[in-house]
Protein backbone atom coordinates (compact mmCIF):
# COMPACT_ATOMS: atom_id res chain seq x y z
CA MET A 1 20.04 -6.90 -6.91
CA LYS A 2 19.98 -8.63 -10.30
CA LYS A 3 16.28 -7.84 -10.80
CA ALA A 4 16.88 -4.18 -9.91
CA GLU A 5 19.74 -4.08 -12.42
CA GLN A 6 17.45 -5.58 -15.08
CA LEU A 7 14.82 -2.95 -14.28
CA GLU A 8 17.38 -0.19 -14.54
CA ALA A 9 18.66 -1.46 -17.90
CA THR A 10 15.09 -1.60 -19.21
CA LEU A 11 14.33 1.91 -17.93
CA ILE A 12 17.47 3.28 -19.55
CA ARG A 13 16.47 1.71 -22.90
CA LEU A 14 12.96 3.13 -22.50
CA ARG A 15 14.35 6.56 -21.73
CA GLU A 16 16.40 6.42 -24.92
CA ASN A 17 13.41 5.31 -27.03
CA GLU A 18 10.10 4.57 -25.38
CA SER A 19 8.05 4.55 -28.57
CA PRO A 20 7.91 0.71 -28.76
CA LEU A 21 6.13 0.78 -25.40
CA THR A 22 4.16 4.03 -25.63
CA GLY A 23 3.47 4.27 -29.33
CA GLY A 24 5.50 7.42 -29.84
CA ARG A 25 3.96 9.69 -27.22
CA GLU A 26 5.81 12.44 -25.40
CA PRO A 27 8.96 11.23 -23.64
CA CYS A 28 8.38 10.20 -20.06
CA GLN A 29 9.92 12.49 -17.46
CA LEU A 30 9.73 10.08 -14.54
CA PHE A 31 9.97 6.32 -14.31
CA VAL A 32 8.47 4.22 -11.53
CA PRO A 33 10.35 0.92 -11.20
CA ILE A 34 8.15 -1.91 -9.92
CA LEU A 35 9.33 -5.39 -9.05
CA VAL A 36 6.48 -7.91 -8.74
CA ILE A 37 7.31 -11.06 -6.83
CA SER A 38 5.17 -14.17 -6.78
CA GLU A 39 6.00 -15.28 -3.25
CA GLY A 40 5.66 -13.43 0.02
CA PHE A 41 8.50 -11.12 0.93
CA PRO A 42 8.73 -9.56 4.41
CA LEU A 43 9.20 -5.94 3.42
CA GLY A 44 9.40 -3.80 6.53
CA PRO A 45 11.49 -0.77 7.52
CA VAL A 46 14.69 -2.75 8.15
CA THR A 47 14.47 -4.76 4.94
CA ARG A 48 13.58 -1.62 2.96
CA ALA A 49 16.59 0.22 4.43
CA VAL A 50 18.94 -2.66 3.53
CA ILE A 51 17.58 -2.84 -0.04
CA ASN A 52 17.84 0.94 -0.50
CA ASP A 53 21.39 0.92 0.91
CA ARG A 54 22.48 -1.88 -1.44
CA LEU A 55 20.94 -0.14 -4.43
CA ARG A 56 22.63 3.12 -3.45
CA ARG A 57 26.04 1.47 -2.99
CA ALA A 58 25.75 -0.31 -6.34
CA GLY A 59 24.53 2.88 -8.03
CA VAL A 60 21.45 1.03 -9.29
CA LEU A 61 18.19 2.93 -9.86
CA GLN A 62 19.75 6.15 -8.59
CA ASP A 63 19.03 8.36 -11.62
CA GLU A 64 16.87 11.37 -10.76
CA GLN A 65 14.31 10.21 -13.34
CA PHE A 66 13.79 6.99 -11.36
CA GLN A 67 11.49 6.91 -8.40
CA PRO A 68 12.31 4.56 -5.52
CA LEU A 69 11.92 0.87 -6.31
CA HIS A 70 8.51 -0.55 -5.41
CA ILE A 71 8.47 -4.24 -4.50
CA LEU A 72 5.01 -5.76 -4.78
CA GLY A 73 3.63 -9.15 -3.92
CA MET A 74 0.64 -10.61 -5.71
CA ASN A 75 -1.74 -9.51 -2.94
CA GLU A 76 -0.54 -5.92 -3.29
CA LEU A 77 -0.95 -6.12 -7.04
CA GLU A 78 -4.55 -7.23 -6.51
CA LEU A 79 -5.19 -4.34 -4.08
CA LEU A 80 -3.68 -1.92 -6.61
CA GLU A 81 -5.94 -3.37 -9.27
CA GLN A 82 -8.96 -2.85 -7.01
CA ALA A 83 -8.05 0.77 -6.34
CA VAL A 84 -7.30 1.58 -9.98
CA THR A 85 -10.19 -0.28 -11.63
CA THR A 86 -12.76 1.25 -9.28
CA GLY A 87 -11.56 4.66 -10.38
CA ARG A 88 -10.47 5.79 -6.93
CA ALA A 89 -6.92 6.53 -8.03
CA ASN A 90 -4.44 5.87 -10.77
CA LEU A 91 -1.39 3.65 -10.41
CA VAL A 92 1.27 6.36 -10.51
CA ASP A 93 -0.59 8.58 -8.02
CA LEU A 94 -0.93 5.68 -5.58
CA LEU A 95 2.74 4.75 -5.85
CA ASN A 96 3.76 8.40 -5.44
CA ALA A 97 1.49 8.78 -2.41
CA HIS A 98 3.02 5.64 -0.87
CA ALA A 99 6.56 6.91 -1.47
CA ARG A 100 5.70 10.22 0.29
CA SER A 101 3.69 8.70 3.13
CA THR A 102 4.79 7.80 6.64
CA LEU A 103 4.14 4.19 5.56
CA ALA A 104 6.80 4.36 2.81
CA PRO A 105 9.21 2.03 4.65
CA MET A 106 6.45 -0.57 4.95
CA ASN A 107 5.20 -2.80 2.18
CA LEU A 108 2.65 -1.29 -0.15
CA ARG A 109 -0.13 -3.45 1.30
CA GLU A 110 -0.13 -1.52 4.59
CA PHE A 111 -0.45 1.75 2.69
CA LEU A 112 -3.18 0.46 0.36
CA VAL A 113 -5.30 -0.93 3.19
CA ASP A 114 -5.10 2.46 4.92
CA TYR A 115 -5.71 4.35 1.67
CA LEU A 116 -8.68 2.26 0.59
CA ALA A 117 -10.21 2.50 4.06
CA ASN A 118 -9.85 6.27 4.16
CA HIS A 119 -10.53 7.20 0.55
CA GLY A 120 -13.93 5.79 0.02
CA ARG A 121 -15.40 2.40 -0.36
CA SER A 122 -18.11 1.46 -2.76
CA ALA A 123 -21.69 2.01 -1.54
CA ARG A 124 -22.12 -1.75 -1.14
CA GLN A 125 -18.95 -2.00 0.95
CA MET A 126 -20.00 0.96 3.09
CA ARG A 127 -23.40 -0.64 3.82
CA LEU A 128 -21.70 -3.87 4.89
CA TRP A 129 -19.09 -1.96 6.91
CA ARG A 130 -21.74 0.08 8.75
CA LYS A 131 -23.81 -3.03 9.45
CA ALA A 132 -20.77 -4.81 10.88
CA LEU A 133 -19.91 -1.78 13.02
CA ASP A 134 -23.51 -1.52 14.28
CA VAL A 135 -23.53 -5.19 15.31
CA THR A 136 -20.12 -4.85 16.96
CA ASN A 137 -21.10 -1.67 18.83
CA ALA A 138 -24.36 -3.24 20.04
CA HIS A 139 -22.44 -6.27 21.32
CA ILE A 140 -19.87 -4.10 23.10
CA LYS A 141 -22.59 -2.02 24.76
CA SER A 142 -24.51 -5.12 25.83
CA THR A 143 -21.36 -6.69 27.26
CA ALA A 144 -20.48 -3.47 29.09
CA ARG A 145 -23.99 -3.28 30.61
CA THR A 146 -23.81 -6.92 31.71
CA MET A 147 -20.38 -6.41 33.25
CA ALA A 148 -21.52 -3.25 35.05
CA SER A 149 -24.63 -5.02 36.34
CA THR A 150 -22.61 -7.99 37.57
CA SER A 151 -20.08 -5.69 39.20
CA ASP A 152 -22.84 -3.73 41.01
CA ARG A 153 -24.31 -6.95 42.46
CA HIS A 154 -20.96 -8.15 43.78
CA HIS A 155 -19.82 -4.75 45.03
CA PRO A 156 -22.82 -2.79 46.23
CA THR A 157 -22.12 0.85 46.90
CA ASP A 158 -22.95 2.40 50.25
CA HIS A 159 -25.51 5.19 50.00
């Protein structure tokens, strides 16, 4: 709760005067609070609901200019970096998409893995992915043929 309160205080100061951070650009209409934690944190639907309930009860990060709090681990930060630096999406769009998705109660990692898998990989990654799928499919087909052949020998059909 203390970290969320610190974030809120910072966002309020930024809303009053964001020029030290933005260099005097247009005032921001929407703030996306992000808490980055260095250690793993089991963020699932139950934990998310408890955190949201505590924030709501304390009146922290409830301003309409504040989006829901995003809690990120280092692995999620690295996935975000991958998505943003490859030009597939920008940070705010990804966080907004997560907040609107059916995966919103889950940690951001689950959303990013799904997003990155379904919104294009690099050509190199796609070649490796297709090769892995081809090998896997060939193995499955071979195993299925072997199993069918073995089954036919042990259970001959009457014709």
